[in-house]
């Protein structure tokens, strides 16, 4: 008889239902930010910085 597999909490000890509740609150706010002009600008700046970091020698 197979055992029910416990969802991986990645060592946080936070119950899955709590993580899901937090995600339901935060996701719409995160989406709204990235759809805004400020969010678009910051994302473009972040992408440009990532490209610069790729070109730098270690």
N, C-alpha and C. Protein backbone atom coordinates (compact mmCIF):
# COMPACT_ATOMS: atom_id res chain seq x y z
N UNK A 1 0.84 -1.18 0.00
CA UNK A 1 0.00 0.00 0.00
C UNK A 1 0.89 1.25 0.00
N UNK A 2 0.74 2.14 -0.99
CA UNK A 2 1.59 3.33 -1.06
C UNK A 2 1.25 4.32 0.05
N UNK A 3 2.29 4.96 0.54
CA UNK A 3 2.10 5.99 1.57
C UNK A 3 1.79 7.32 0.90
N UNK A 4 1.05 8.15 1.60
CA UNK A 4 0.83 9.51 1.11
C UNK A 4 2.13 10.27 1.25
N UNK A 5 2.56 10.85 0.16
CA UNK A 5 3.82 11.59 0.16
C UNK A 5 3.58 12.99 0.73
N UNK A 6 4.39 13.38 1.71
CA UNK A 6 4.27 14.71 2.31
C UNK A 6 4.85 15.74 1.34
N UNK A 7 4.12 16.84 1.09
CA UNK A 7 4.67 17.88 0.21
C UNK A 7 5.97 18.44 0.78
N UNK A 8 6.90 18.75 -0.08
CA UNK A 8 8.19 19.29 0.34
C UNK A 8 8.02 20.75 0.74
N UNK A 9 8.38 21.06 1.98
CA UNK A 9 8.31 22.45 2.45
C UNK A 9 9.68 23.11 2.40
N UNK A 10 10.65 22.44 1.79
CA UNK A 10 12.01 22.95 1.60
C UNK A 10 12.65 23.36 2.93
N UNK A 11 12.29 22.63 3.99
CA UNK A 11 12.91 22.87 5.28
C UNK A 11 12.36 24.06 6.04
N UNK A 12 11.30 24.68 5.55
CA UNK A 12 10.77 25.86 6.23
C UNK A 12 9.87 25.50 7.41
N UNK A 13 9.22 24.36 7.33
CA UNK A 13 8.27 23.99 8.37
C UNK A 13 6.94 24.72 8.22
N UNK A 14 6.79 25.50 7.15
CA UNK A 14 5.55 26.25 6.92
C UNK A 14 4.55 25.31 6.24
N UNK A 15 3.36 25.16 6.81
CA UNK A 15 2.37 24.29 6.20
C UNK A 15 1.98 24.79 4.80
N UNK A 16 1.71 23.86 3.91
CA UNK A 16 1.39 24.19 2.53
C UNK A 16 0.20 25.14 2.43
N UNK A 17 -0.82 24.96 3.27
CA UNK A 17 -2.00 25.84 3.18
C UNK A 17 -1.64 27.29 3.54
N UNK A 18 -0.64 27.48 4.40
CA UNK A 18 -0.19 28.83 4.73
C UNK A 18 0.56 29.47 3.57
N UNK A 19 1.37 28.68 2.89
CA UNK A 19 2.11 29.18 1.72
C UNK A 19 1.12 29.57 0.63
N UNK A 20 0.11 28.73 0.43
CA UNK A 20 -0.89 29.03 -0.60
C UNK A 20 -1.68 30.29 -0.26
N UNK A 21 -2.02 30.49 1.01
CA UNK A 21 -2.75 31.68 1.42
C UNK A 21 -1.90 32.94 1.18
N UNK A 22 -0.63 32.85 1.51
CA UNK A 22 0.27 33.98 1.27
C UNK A 22 0.39 34.27 -0.22
N UNK A 23 0.49 33.24 -1.03
CA UNK A 23 0.60 33.42 -2.48
C UNK A 23 -0.66 34.08 -3.03
N UNK A 24 -1.83 33.71 -2.51
CA UNK A 24 -3.08 34.32 -2.99
C UNK A 24 -3.12 35.82 -2.70
N UNK A 25 -2.47 36.25 -1.63
CA UNK A 25 -2.43 37.66 -1.28
C UNK A 25 -1.37 38.40 -2.10
N UNK A 26 -0.19 37.79 -2.22
CA UNK A 26 0.94 38.48 -2.85
C UNK A 26 0.91 38.49 -4.37
N UNK A 27 0.45 37.42 -4.99
CA UNK A 27 0.52 37.31 -6.44
C UNK A 27 -0.17 38.47 -7.17
N UNK A 28 -1.40 38.85 -6.80
CA UNK A 28 -2.02 39.98 -7.52
C UNK A 28 -1.23 41.29 -7.36
N UNK A 29 -0.63 41.50 -6.20
CA UNK A 29 0.18 42.71 -5.98
C UNK A 29 1.44 42.69 -6.84
N UNK A 30 2.08 41.55 -6.92
CA UNK A 30 3.29 41.40 -7.74
C UNK A 30 2.94 41.61 -9.22
N UNK A 31 1.85 41.00 -9.66
CA UNK A 31 1.43 41.17 -11.06
C UNK A 31 1.13 42.62 -11.37
N UNK A 32 0.42 43.29 -10.48
CA UNK A 32 0.08 44.71 -10.71
C UNK A 32 1.34 45.56 -10.80
N UNK A 33 2.33 45.27 -9.95
CA UNK A 33 3.57 46.03 -9.98
C UNK A 33 4.27 45.87 -11.33
N UNK A 34 4.40 44.63 -11.80
CA UNK A 34 5.12 44.41 -13.05
C UNK A 34 4.35 44.89 -14.27
N UNK A 35 3.06 45.10 -14.14
CA UNK A 35 2.27 45.67 -15.23
C UNK A 35 2.33 47.19 -15.24
N UNK A 36 2.77 47.81 -14.15
CA UNK A 36 2.84 49.26 -14.06
C UNK A 36 4.07 49.79 -14.81
N UNK A 37 4.06 51.09 -15.08
CA UNK A 37 5.21 51.71 -15.74
C UNK A 37 6.47 51.57 -14.90
N UNK A 38 6.33 51.80 -13.60
CA UNK A 38 7.49 51.68 -12.71
C UNK A 38 8.04 50.26 -12.72
N UNK A 39 7.16 49.28 -12.67
CA UNK A 39 7.59 47.88 -12.69
C UNK A 39 8.27 47.52 -13.99
N UNK A 40 7.73 48.00 -15.10
CA UNK A 40 8.33 47.74 -16.41
C UNK A 40 9.73 48.35 -16.48
N UNK A 41 9.88 49.57 -15.97
CA UNK A 41 11.17 50.25 -15.99
C UNK A 41 12.19 49.50 -15.12
N UNK A 42 11.78 49.13 -13.91
CA UNK A 42 12.70 48.41 -13.02
C UNK A 42 13.10 47.06 -13.59
N UNK A 43 12.16 46.38 -14.23
CA UNK A 43 12.47 45.09 -14.84
C UNK A 43 13.47 45.27 -15.98
N UNK A 44 13.29 46.30 -16.80
CA UNK A 44 14.23 46.57 -17.89
C UNK A 44 15.62 46.88 -17.35
N UNK A 45 15.68 47.65 -16.26
CA UNK A 45 16.98 47.95 -15.63
C UNK A 45 17.62 46.68 -15.09
N UNK A 46 16.82 45.81 -14.48
CA UNK A 46 17.34 44.55 -13.94
C UNK A 46 17.88 43.67 -15.07
N UNK A 47 17.11 43.59 -16.17
CA UNK A 47 17.56 42.78 -17.31
C UNK A 47 18.87 43.31 -17.87
N UNK A 48 19.00 44.61 -18.00
CA UNK A 48 20.23 45.21 -18.51
C UNK A 48 21.40 44.89 -17.58
N UNK A 49 21.17 44.95 -16.29
CA UNK A 49 22.22 44.63 -15.32
C UNK A 49 22.62 43.15 -15.42
N UNK A 50 21.66 42.28 -15.64
CA UNK A 50 21.96 40.85 -15.79
C UNK A 50 22.84 40.62 -17.01
N UNK A 51 22.55 41.31 -18.09
CA UNK A 51 23.36 41.19 -19.31
C UNK A 51 24.78 41.69 -19.08
N UNK A 52 24.91 42.80 -18.36
CA UNK A 52 26.24 43.33 -18.06
C UNK A 52 27.03 42.35 -17.19
N UNK A 53 26.36 41.75 -16.22
CA UNK A 53 27.01 40.80 -15.33
C UNK A 53 27.50 39.56 -16.10
N UNK A 54 26.75 39.14 -17.13
CA UNK A 54 27.15 38.00 -17.95
C UNK A 54 28.45 38.27 -18.69
N UNK A 55 28.63 39.54 -19.11
CA UNK A 55 29.79 39.90 -19.92
C UNK A 55 31.05 40.11 -19.09
N UNK A 56 30.91 40.30 -17.78
CA UNK A 56 32.06 40.54 -16.93
C UNK A 56 32.85 39.25 -16.73
N UNK A 57 34.18 39.35 -16.82
CA UNK A 57 34.97 38.15 -16.53
C UNK A 57 34.94 37.87 -15.03
N UNK A 58 35.00 36.60 -14.68
CA UNK A 58 34.97 36.22 -13.26
C UNK A 58 36.23 36.57 -12.60
